[in-house]
Amino acid sequence: MRNMSKKTWKLRVWNHMTEMQKLDILLKHAKVPHTYDPKYLSDYTEQIVVYNSEGQRMWDAICFHGTFSLPGSYGAEQGLIEVMGAQLLGHDDVKGWLTARQVTKMWRCRNAAQNR
C-alpha cells in the first residue's frame, strides 16, 4: 500500500472502510489524542473516544453497523456516526447521521472558534 498513489489508495481502500475507520485515520493525521475500539460492546459496534491534553474525555463517537442496530442510534442503518459531547457540539446531547469528514470538520471549527 505504500507504493500506491493517493488517488489509487482512495479508490481501493477508502471507499471500503467504515466511517469510524475513516474517522480514526483523520484524527490520527490531525494528531488528536483518541482511542478506537472496533469491537465496543459487540462485533457490530465501533467507538472512538477523544481526550484533551490532560487525558480527560472530551467527546465520543459511536457507530452501529451491519444487521445490528439499537433503537435510537442515529444513522445506524446507513453506517453513519453518532457523536456526543459538549466540547464538540456545544451542548450535552447527541447528533447523528454524520460522516467522518463532517465530524472532523465540526471538531476543527470548534477548535478554531475556541482559539480566537
Protein backbone atom coordinates (compact mmCIF):
# COMPACT_ATOMS: atom_id res chain seq x y z
CA MET A 1 0.00 0.00 0.00
CA ARG A 2 2.94 2.32 0.48
CA ASN A 3 3.64 2.41 -3.25
CA MET A 4 0.07 3.34 -4.15
CA SER A 5 -0.76 6.87 -5.15
CA LYS A 6 -3.24 8.78 -3.00
CA LYS A 7 -5.87 8.52 -5.72
CA THR A 8 -5.43 4.74 -6.07
CA TRP A 9 -5.49 4.29 -2.29
CA LYS A 10 -8.73 6.25 -2.01
CA LEU A 11 -10.35 4.22 -4.78
CA ARG A 12 -9.22 0.83 -3.47
CA VAL A 13 -9.23 1.28 0.29
CA TRP A 14 -11.05 4.42 1.47
CA ASN A 15 -14.37 3.52 -0.15
CA HIS A 16 -14.42 0.12 1.57
CA MET A 17 -13.77 1.39 5.09
CA THR A 18 -16.39 2.11 7.75
CA GLU A 19 -16.99 5.73 8.72
CA MET A 20 -15.38 5.01 12.09
CA GLN A 21 -12.22 3.65 10.45
CA LYS A 22 -12.10 6.82 8.36
CA LEU A 23 -12.59 9.00 11.45
CA ASP A 24 -9.77 7.15 13.22
CA ILE A 25 -7.39 7.89 10.33
CA LEU A 26 -8.48 11.55 10.09
CA LEU A 27 -7.96 12.05 13.85
CA LYS A 28 -4.52 10.38 13.67
CA HIS A 29 -3.47 12.72 10.85
CA ALA A 30 -4.70 15.71 12.88
CA LYS A 31 -2.78 14.37 15.94
CA VAL A 32 -5.90 14.35 18.11
CA PRO A 33 -5.45 12.05 21.15
CA HIS A 34 -8.09 9.34 20.99
CA THR A 35 -8.81 5.65 21.39
CA TYR A 36 -10.53 3.50 18.80
CA ASP A 37 -12.37 0.34 19.85
CA PRO A 38 -13.59 -1.54 16.76
CA LYS A 39 -15.48 -4.11 18.88
CA TYR A 40 -17.08 -1.91 21.53
CA LEU A 41 -19.95 -3.89 23.11
CA SER A 42 -20.16 -6.32 20.16
CA ASP A 43 -18.80 -7.19 16.74
CA TYR A 44 -21.21 -4.66 15.24
CA THR A 45 -20.30 -1.59 17.28
CA GLU A 46 -17.34 0.77 16.99
CA GLN A 47 -16.41 3.61 19.36
CA ILE A 48 -13.90 6.45 19.35
CA VAL A 49 -13.21 8.49 22.48
CA VAL A 50 -11.33 11.80 22.14
CA TYR A 51 -9.26 13.16 25.03
CA ASN A 52 -7.74 16.54 25.82
CA SER A 53 -4.04 17.03 26.62
CA GLU A 54 -4.66 16.20 30.31
CA GLY A 55 -6.24 12.85 29.38
CA GLN A 56 -9.82 13.86 30.19
CA ARG A 57 -12.61 12.56 28.00
CA MET A 58 -13.97 15.33 25.75
CA TRP A 59 -16.34 13.69 23.29
CA ASP A 60 -17.06 10.34 21.74
CA ALA A 61 -18.37 8.86 18.53
CA ILE A 62 -20.17 5.57 18.08
CA CYS A 63 -21.41 3.60 15.11
CA PHE A 64 -23.60 0.52 14.92
CA HIS A 65 -23.41 -1.27 11.60
CA GLY A 66 -24.36 -4.45 9.85
CA THR A 67 -27.66 -6.07 10.65
CA PHE A 68 -27.36 -4.97 14.27
CA SER A 69 -28.70 -1.62 15.35
CA LEU A 70 -30.02 -0.29 18.62
CA PRO A 71 -33.23 1.70 18.77
CA GLY A 72 -32.34 5.35 18.88
CA SER A 73 -28.87 5.08 17.34
CA TYR A 74 -28.95 7.85 14.78
CA GLY A 75 -27.67 6.75 11.38
CA ALA A 76 -27.13 3.07 12.24
CA GLU A 77 -28.94 1.77 9.18
CA GLN A 78 -26.64 3.77 6.91
CA GLY A 79 -23.44 3.03 8.87
CA LEU A 80 -23.13 6.67 9.90
CA ILE A 81 -21.69 8.13 13.09
CA GLU A 82 -23.42 9.44 16.19
CA VAL A 83 -21.42 11.86 18.39
CA MET A 84 -21.87 13.13 21.93
CA GLY A 85 -20.05 15.74 23.98
CA ALA A 86 -20.35 19.41 24.85
CA GLN A 87 -16.81 20.17 23.62
CA LEU A 88 -17.80 19.08 20.12
CA LEU A 89 -21.45 20.05 19.90
CA GLY A 90 -21.68 22.94 22.36
CA HIS A 91 -24.38 21.10 24.34
CA ASP A 92 -24.78 17.80 26.19
CA ASP A 93 -26.83 15.99 23.61
CA VAL A 94 -26.18 13.72 20.64
CA LYS A 95 -26.04 14.38 16.95
CA GLY A 96 -26.32 11.62 14.40
CA TRP A 97 -26.25 10.76 10.72
CA LEU A 98 -22.71 12.12 10.32
CA THR A 99 -19.82 11.06 8.11
CA ALA A 100 -16.21 11.00 9.31
CA ARG A 101 -15.46 14.17 7.35
CA GLN A 102 -18.40 16.00 8.91
CA VAL A 103 -17.25 15.07 12.42
CA THR A 104 -13.69 16.18 11.66
CA LYS A 105 -14.96 19.47 10.23
CA MET A 106 -17.09 20.07 13.34
CA TRP A 107 -14.04 19.44 15.55
CA ARG A 108 -11.81 21.79 13.54
CA CYS A 109 -14.42 24.57 13.53
CA ARG A 110 -14.96 24.19 17.28
CA ASN A 111 -11.22 24.39 17.96
CA ALA A 112 -10.80 27.41 15.71
CA ALA A 113 -13.64 29.22 17.48
CA GLN A 114 -12.12 28.47 20.92
CA ASN A 115 -8.66 29.64 19.88
CA ARG A 116 -9.83 33.07 18.65
